[in-house]
Amino acid sequence: SPSPLFALGSGSARLARPRVVMEGDDAAPCGFGHPSAWERLGGPTSDRLARCLAWPEVRRCRQTSRSWRRQWRGFVPSSGELWDSDLDGARRGEAWKGLLLDGLSVRSLALQESYESLCNTPSSYDAMIQRDLARTLPQEALFREKLGKGQRALFRLLRALAVHLWDVGYVQSLNFIIATLIGVFPDDEALVFHCAQALLFRYSLVDFYRPRFPKLGVTVWQFDRLVEGFLPKVHVALHGHGVTSEYYAMQWFLTLFASDLSQPVVRRIWDRFLVAGWKVIAQVGLALLYEVQDTLVSLDTCEALTFLKRFTRTRRFEAERLLRVAGAFEVSHRMLSELEAAYDSPGGGGGEAPPIASCGGGGGGGGGG
């Protein structure tokens, strides 16, 4: 039976509603030369106008005056809207930018070094980055062309991060994180650069990439305990094969599923991750195993080892169904914190992992970036 620890989750997502960064008073669009002309279009007229405009036009109109910003505040995507809906590209980008950069200044993020300067500075990781370009989301049109727009942007951004974050450099898996951000902000590399830093530090993702990968061990152990508590049938099958999540799920954590699932599904997972944090990643991992548990328990060891490495890439997952299943697992931040404390305690999970069973030539190597 599940440990009492698994009764801690509330199952309800706490949706923070961050203050989205507002834009400055730029030149008024549509030929209006003075903000007062827009002020006179206030009230019901502006509401009706907003509902007829696409989001980029709404955003431009909000830049014309403070009163319009106040009146159209509801047209800025909220974290609740991001959680519930598959927003179009411009609205998702606005919501992600608000969640990632709210309260941060670009000047402090860049540490007074311009993105242009960083991306033009040679790095000792250049050759490694170059090798990974063709392996990064080749199914996406943006990254399919050799040295096309997507690959060039990806190279420059990974180089800039390697130079700027000298204690991290470049680690395989970062390419999938940055490529996903490029897909949401395809025309603004500098914005991707700042959002990437915010993602790495605000969500502690950078600790997966530092030397000795300090966060990876505890995350793998936490997830194994969650599988044991929420999916006992899967746990028994995996234990029988001598398999832990270190074997099949490391790339899930290192890339936030971007290396394994299609980009539309990944973007919906990230919508919720940016709102609610790491519990979403744990819930989605549990949902993936739940969806294949009947197949998994029927396999012998050799088949199971191959299946676990491939099923996220070979099966089609529908985003909203996957998120509904994920939401049924009552994982909470308190639960994750208690598991982390248990891992760090004497005699906790920090010891050696059991060996993984082998079959013939082995079960397959770890997925690279």
Foldseek 3Di string as FASTA:
>chain_A
DFDPLLVPFPLDFDFDWFDFDADAQDQQPPPDGALVVVVVCDDPNVVVVVVVDDVVVLNRNCSNDVVSCVVCVVVQDTLVNLLPDLDDLVNLLSHLLRLQCPPHDLCVLCVNDALVVQLPDDDPCLVVLLVCQCVAPCVDPLSVDRVPLLSVLLSSLLSSCLVRVVQQRDFWLVSLQLSLLCVSVVPDSRSSNSSSSSCCPVQVLVCCRGPVSVVLQLVQQLLLSLCVRPPVLQNVLCVVQLHGCVLQCSSCSNNVCSSQADSSLSSSLVSVCSGRNDLSSSLLVNLVCVVCVVVLSPDDNLVNLQCSNHVSRPDHDDNVVSSVSSSVRRDDPVSSVVSSVQQPDVVRVVDDRGDGHADVVGSDDDDTD
